[in-house]
N, C-alpha and C. Protein backbone atom coordinates (compact mmCIF):
# COMPACT_ATOMS: atom_id res chain seq x y z
N MET A 1 3.01 -7.49 14.14
CA MET A 1 2.87 -6.96 12.97
C MET A 1 3.19 -6.05 12.64
N ASP A 2 3.98 -5.41 11.79
CA ASP A 2 3.81 -3.46 11.27
C ASP A 2 3.22 -3.36 10.07
N LEU A 3 2.58 -2.92 10.38
CA LEU A 3 2.05 -2.39 8.77
C LEU A 3 2.21 -1.08 8.43
N GLN A 4 2.30 -0.78 7.37
CA GLN A 4 2.53 0.22 6.65
C GLN A 4 1.65 1.00 5.35
N VAL A 5 0.31 1.64 6.19
CA VAL A 5 -0.50 1.94 4.96
C VAL A 5 -0.63 2.94 4.75
N LYS A 6 -0.53 3.21 3.45
CA LYS A 6 -1.28 4.11 2.14
C LYS A 6 -1.76 4.31 1.81
N SER A 7 -2.59 4.91 1.10
CA SER A 7 -3.51 5.53 0.37
C SER A 7 -3.42 6.22 -0.91
N THR A 8 -4.12 6.03 -1.80
CA THR A 8 -3.74 6.76 -3.27
C THR A 8 -5.55 6.85 -3.79
N SER A 9 -5.82 7.44 -4.28
CA SER A 9 -7.14 8.05 -5.72
C SER A 9 -6.15 8.19 -6.71
N LEU A 10 -5.03 7.72 -6.77
CA LEU A 10 -4.84 7.52 -8.26
C LEU A 10 -4.91 6.45 -9.27
N ASP A 11 -4.69 6.48 -10.50
CA ASP A 11 -4.96 5.40 -11.53
C ASP A 11 -4.03 4.64 -11.26
N VAL A 12 -3.90 3.61 -10.50
CA VAL A 12 -3.14 2.61 -10.04
C VAL A 12 -3.55 0.93 -10.72
N LEU A 13 -4.92 0.76 -11.08
CA LEU A 13 -5.22 -0.60 -11.18
C LEU A 13 -5.29 -1.48 -12.23
N SER A 14 -4.37 -2.64 -12.39
CA SER A 14 -4.59 -2.99 -14.01
C SER A 14 -5.10 -4.67 -13.82
N LEU A 15 -5.68 -5.56 -14.48
CA LEU A 15 -6.01 -6.48 -14.75
C LEU A 15 -5.31 -7.51 -12.96
N GLU A 16 -4.21 -7.60 -13.19
CA GLU A 16 -3.17 -8.77 -12.43
C GLU A 16 -3.31 -7.76 -10.96
N SER A 17 -3.10 -6.27 -10.89
CA SER A 17 -2.51 -6.06 -9.46
C SER A 17 -2.01 -4.27 -9.80
N ILE A 18 -1.47 -4.02 -8.20
CA ILE A 18 -1.76 -2.73 -7.94
C ILE A 18 -0.24 -2.20 -8.11
N ARG A 19 -0.37 -0.78 -9.35
CA ARG A 19 0.87 -0.53 -9.46
C ARG A 19 0.53 0.56 -8.36
N TYR A 20 2.28 0.65 -7.39
CA TYR A 20 1.94 1.80 -6.08
C TYR A 20 3.67 2.22 -6.56
N PRO A 21 4.06 3.56 -6.44
CA PRO A 21 4.96 4.12 -6.27
C PRO A 21 5.45 3.95 -4.88
N LEU A 22 6.44 3.54 -4.51
CA LEU A 22 7.27 3.78 -2.86
C LEU A 22 8.14 4.10 -2.79
N LYS A 23 8.24 4.95 -1.92
CA LYS A 23 9.74 5.98 -1.65
C LYS A 23 10.94 4.72 -1.43
N ILE A 24 12.03 5.09 -2.07
CA ILE A 24 13.31 4.02 -1.26
C ILE A 24 13.20 3.93 -0.34
N LYS A 25 13.37 4.63 0.48
CA LYS A 25 13.40 4.04 2.04
C LYS A 25 12.63 3.55 2.73
N ASN A 26 11.57 3.45 2.31
CA ASN A 26 9.63 2.68 2.52
C ASN A 26 9.71 1.72 2.30
N TYR A 27 10.82 1.00 0.79
CA TYR A 27 10.96 0.55 0.29
C TYR A 27 12.26 -0.73 0.64
N ASN A 28 13.05 0.12 0.88
CA ASN A 28 14.10 -0.78 1.56
C ASN A 28 14.52 -1.56 3.57
N GLU A 29 12.82 -0.56 4.19
CA GLU A 29 12.73 -1.16 5.39
C GLU A 29 11.73 -1.70 5.29
N LEU A 30 10.85 -2.01 4.38
CA LEU A 30 9.55 -3.28 4.30
C LEU A 30 10.94 -4.93 3.86
N ARG A 31 11.92 -4.25 2.88
CA ARG A 31 12.32 -5.54 2.63
C ARG A 31 13.50 -6.17 3.15
N LYS A 32 13.42 -5.67 4.61
CA LYS A 32 14.51 -6.06 5.49
C LYS A 32 14.36 -7.48 5.31
N GLU A 33 15.12 -8.36 5.55
CA GLU A 33 14.91 -10.14 6.27
C GLU A 33 14.91 -9.95 7.87
N LYS A 34 16.17 -10.04 7.95
CA LYS A 34 16.38 -9.74 9.49
C LYS A 34 15.41 -9.54 10.49
N THR A 35 14.02 -9.71 10.36
CA THR A 35 13.15 -8.64 11.42
C THR A 35 12.62 -9.78 11.79
N ILE A 36 12.50 -9.57 13.33
CA ILE A 36 11.76 -10.20 13.88
C ILE A 36 9.73 -10.44 13.90
N VAL A 37 9.57 -9.11 13.93
CA VAL A 37 8.30 -8.51 13.46
C VAL A 37 7.75 -8.75 12.35
N PRO A 38 6.74 -9.35 11.28
CA PRO A 38 6.69 -9.14 10.21
C PRO A 38 6.34 -7.70 9.54
N ARG A 39 6.58 -7.44 8.14
CA ARG A 39 6.42 -5.86 7.59
C ARG A 39 5.56 -6.06 6.96
N ILE A 40 4.56 -5.86 6.95
CA ILE A 40 3.27 -5.66 5.97
C ILE A 40 2.61 -3.82 5.02
N LEU A 41 3.21 -3.86 3.76
CA LEU A 41 2.87 -2.75 3.60
C LEU A 41 1.57 -2.79 2.67
N VAL A 42 0.30 -1.83 3.12
CA VAL A 42 -1.42 -1.90 3.25
C VAL A 42 -1.32 -1.17 2.00
N VAL A 43 -2.30 -0.88 0.98
CA VAL A 43 -2.21 0.01 -0.25
C VAL A 43 -4.21 0.10 -0.07
N VAL A 44 -4.58 1.50 0.30
CA VAL A 44 -5.84 1.65 0.36
C VAL A 44 -6.08 2.18 -0.77
N LEU A 45 -7.62 2.25 -1.81
CA LEU A 45 -7.67 2.65 -2.73
C LEU A 45 -9.09 3.85 -2.80
N ILE A 46 -8.75 4.88 -3.05
CA ILE A 46 -9.44 5.49 -2.12
C ILE A 46 -10.15 6.33 -3.73
N PRO A 47 -11.99 7.23 -3.47
CA PRO A 47 -11.81 7.54 -4.66
C PRO A 47 -11.77 9.55 -3.66
N GLU A 48 -11.61 10.23 -5.33
CA GLU A 48 -10.96 11.39 -5.36
C GLU A 48 -11.56 12.16 -3.72
N LEU A 49 -13.17 11.84 -3.75
CA LEU A 49 -13.73 12.84 -3.59
C LEU A 49 -13.87 11.89 -1.51
N LEU A 50 -14.31 12.95 -0.58
CA LEU A 50 -14.06 12.38 0.46
C LEU A 50 -15.42 11.77 0.86
N GLN A 51 -16.35 12.72 -0.08
CA GLN A 51 -17.64 11.98 0.40
C GLN A 51 -18.23 10.82 0.27
N GLU A 52 -17.09 10.41 -0.73
CA GLU A 52 -17.75 8.92 -1.96
C GLU A 52 -16.95 8.08 -1.52
N TRP A 53 -15.70 7.98 0.11
CA TRP A 53 -15.33 7.27 0.77
C TRP A 53 -16.13 6.76 1.48
N ILE A 54 -15.93 7.72 2.48
CA ILE A 54 -16.19 7.04 3.93
C ILE A 54 -17.65 8.04 4.53
N ASN A 55 -18.67 7.23 5.36
CA ASN A 55 -19.17 7.67 6.21
C ASN A 55 -19.58 7.09 7.50
N GLN A 56 -19.43 8.20 8.84
CA GLN A 56 -19.38 7.91 10.05
C GLN A 56 -20.38 8.66 10.83
N SER A 57 -20.95 7.97 11.58
CA SER A 57 -22.18 8.25 12.63
C SER A 57 -21.51 7.27 13.74
N GLU A 58 -22.83 7.95 14.47
CA GLU A 58 -22.73 6.80 16.07
C GLU A 58 -22.92 5.89 15.83
N THR A 59 -23.80 5.31 14.46
CA THR A 59 -23.95 4.34 14.44
C THR A 59 -23.35 2.85 13.33
N GLU A 60 -22.09 3.57 12.65
CA GLU A 60 -21.59 3.21 11.53
C GLU A 60 -20.36 3.83 10.95
N LEU A 61 -19.57 3.31 10.69
CA LEU A 61 -18.85 3.59 10.07
C LEU A 61 -18.70 2.70 8.42
N CYS A 62 -18.55 3.57 7.82
CA CYS A 62 -18.79 2.88 6.33
C CYS A 62 -17.13 3.36 5.19
N MET A 63 -16.49 2.54 4.77
CA MET A 63 -15.51 2.60 3.75
C MET A 63 -16.17 2.08 2.90
N ARG A 64 -15.65 2.73 1.80
CA ARG A 64 -15.69 2.24 0.61
C ARG A 64 -14.74 1.93 -0.66
N ARG A 65 -13.98 1.00 -1.17
CA ARG A 65 -13.09 0.38 -1.88
C ARG A 65 -13.06 -0.43 -1.14
N CYS A 66 -11.19 -0.60 -1.30
CA CYS A 66 -10.97 -1.42 -1.03
C CYS A 66 -9.23 -1.29 -0.81
N ALA A 67 -8.71 -2.74 0.48
CA ALA A 67 -6.87 -2.17 0.37
C ALA A 67 -6.12 -3.67 -0.30
N TYR A 68 -5.20 -3.46 -0.35
CA TYR A 68 -4.51 -4.52 -1.23
C TYR A 68 -2.85 -4.68 -0.04
N TRP A 69 -2.51 -6.19 -0.03
CA TRP A 69 -0.62 -6.26 0.81
C TRP A 69 -0.48 -6.56 0.47
N ILE A 70 1.12 -6.17 1.23
CA ILE A 70 2.03 -7.58 0.21
C ILE A 70 3.34 -7.53 1.31
N SER A 71 3.98 -8.30 1.09
CA SER A 71 5.29 -8.80 2.28
C SER A 71 6.14 -8.17 1.35
N LEU A 72 6.79 -7.38 1.21
CA LEU A 72 8.50 -6.59 0.48
C LEU A 72 9.27 -7.49 1.06
N ARG A 73 9.71 -8.31 2.35
CA ARG A 73 10.77 -9.12 2.85
C ARG A 73 11.32 -9.73 1.07
N GLY A 74 12.62 -9.58 1.13
CA GLY A 74 13.16 -10.68 0.49
C GLY A 74 13.98 -10.00 -0.93
N GLN A 75 12.87 -8.59 -1.03
CA GLN A 75 12.59 -8.44 -2.83
C GLN A 75 14.48 -7.54 -2.75
N ALA A 76 14.78 -7.81 -4.00
CA ALA A 76 15.68 -6.90 -3.91
C ALA A 76 15.75 -6.05 -4.46
N GLU A 77 17.59 -5.58 -3.81
CA GLU A 77 18.01 -4.10 -4.01
C GLU A 77 17.42 -3.38 -5.25
N THR A 78 16.71 -1.85 -5.54
CA THR A 78 16.86 -1.18 -6.72
C THR A 78 18.08 -0.15 -6.79
N LYS A 79 18.49 0.28 -8.15
CA LYS A 79 19.46 1.24 -8.53
C LYS A 79 18.20 2.66 -8.15
N ASN A 80 17.45 2.87 -8.35
CA ASN A 80 16.45 3.52 -8.24
C ASN A 80 16.59 4.30 -6.68
N THR A 81 16.93 5.84 -7.21
CA THR A 81 17.46 7.22 -6.43
C THR A 81 16.11 7.23 -5.17
N ASP A 82 15.02 7.31 -6.04
CA ASP A 82 13.43 8.51 -5.16
C ASP A 82 12.49 7.28 -5.17
N LYS A 83 11.89 6.96 -5.86
CA LYS A 83 10.86 5.56 -5.81
C LYS A 83 10.78 4.57 -6.68
N VAL A 84 10.61 3.53 -6.30
CA VAL A 84 10.25 1.93 -6.94
C VAL A 84 8.51 1.80 -6.77
N THR A 85 8.04 1.56 -7.97
CA THR A 85 6.67 0.80 -8.72
C THR A 85 6.75 -0.30 -8.26
N VAL A 86 6.15 -0.76 -6.85
CA VAL A 86 5.91 -1.84 -6.69
C VAL A 86 3.98 -2.86 -6.72
N TYR A 87 4.13 -3.60 -7.02
CA TYR A 87 3.36 -4.05 -7.94
C TYR A 87 2.94 -5.59 -6.59
N ILE A 88 1.38 -4.85 -6.17
CA ILE A 88 0.13 -5.94 -5.17
C ILE A 88 -0.07 -6.67 -6.26
N PRO A 89 -0.26 -7.79 -5.95
CA PRO A 89 -1.56 -8.73 -6.56
C PRO A 89 -2.87 -8.15 -6.41
N ARG A 90 -3.59 -8.80 -6.88
CA ARG A 90 -5.26 -8.26 -6.95
C ARG A 90 -5.81 -9.27 -6.14
């Protein structure tokens, strides 16, 4: 499995989905149908301040918030030239 992992601290949450602006190049790579290995987009929501997100020591690694994922395989082409908003179910 190939993962493309993105992170954001922007307000992208709605009740039903995560709205993530994805560059067209990345969108087109992820939506290809003829791939042997599945490709998944993962968006990690993080707080704006690093100290509120991650705590690392020799005994623990604790990351707060969560990640959402989606397969864009087979999604339609877009006429956008810069970015497309991807909606990831919550």
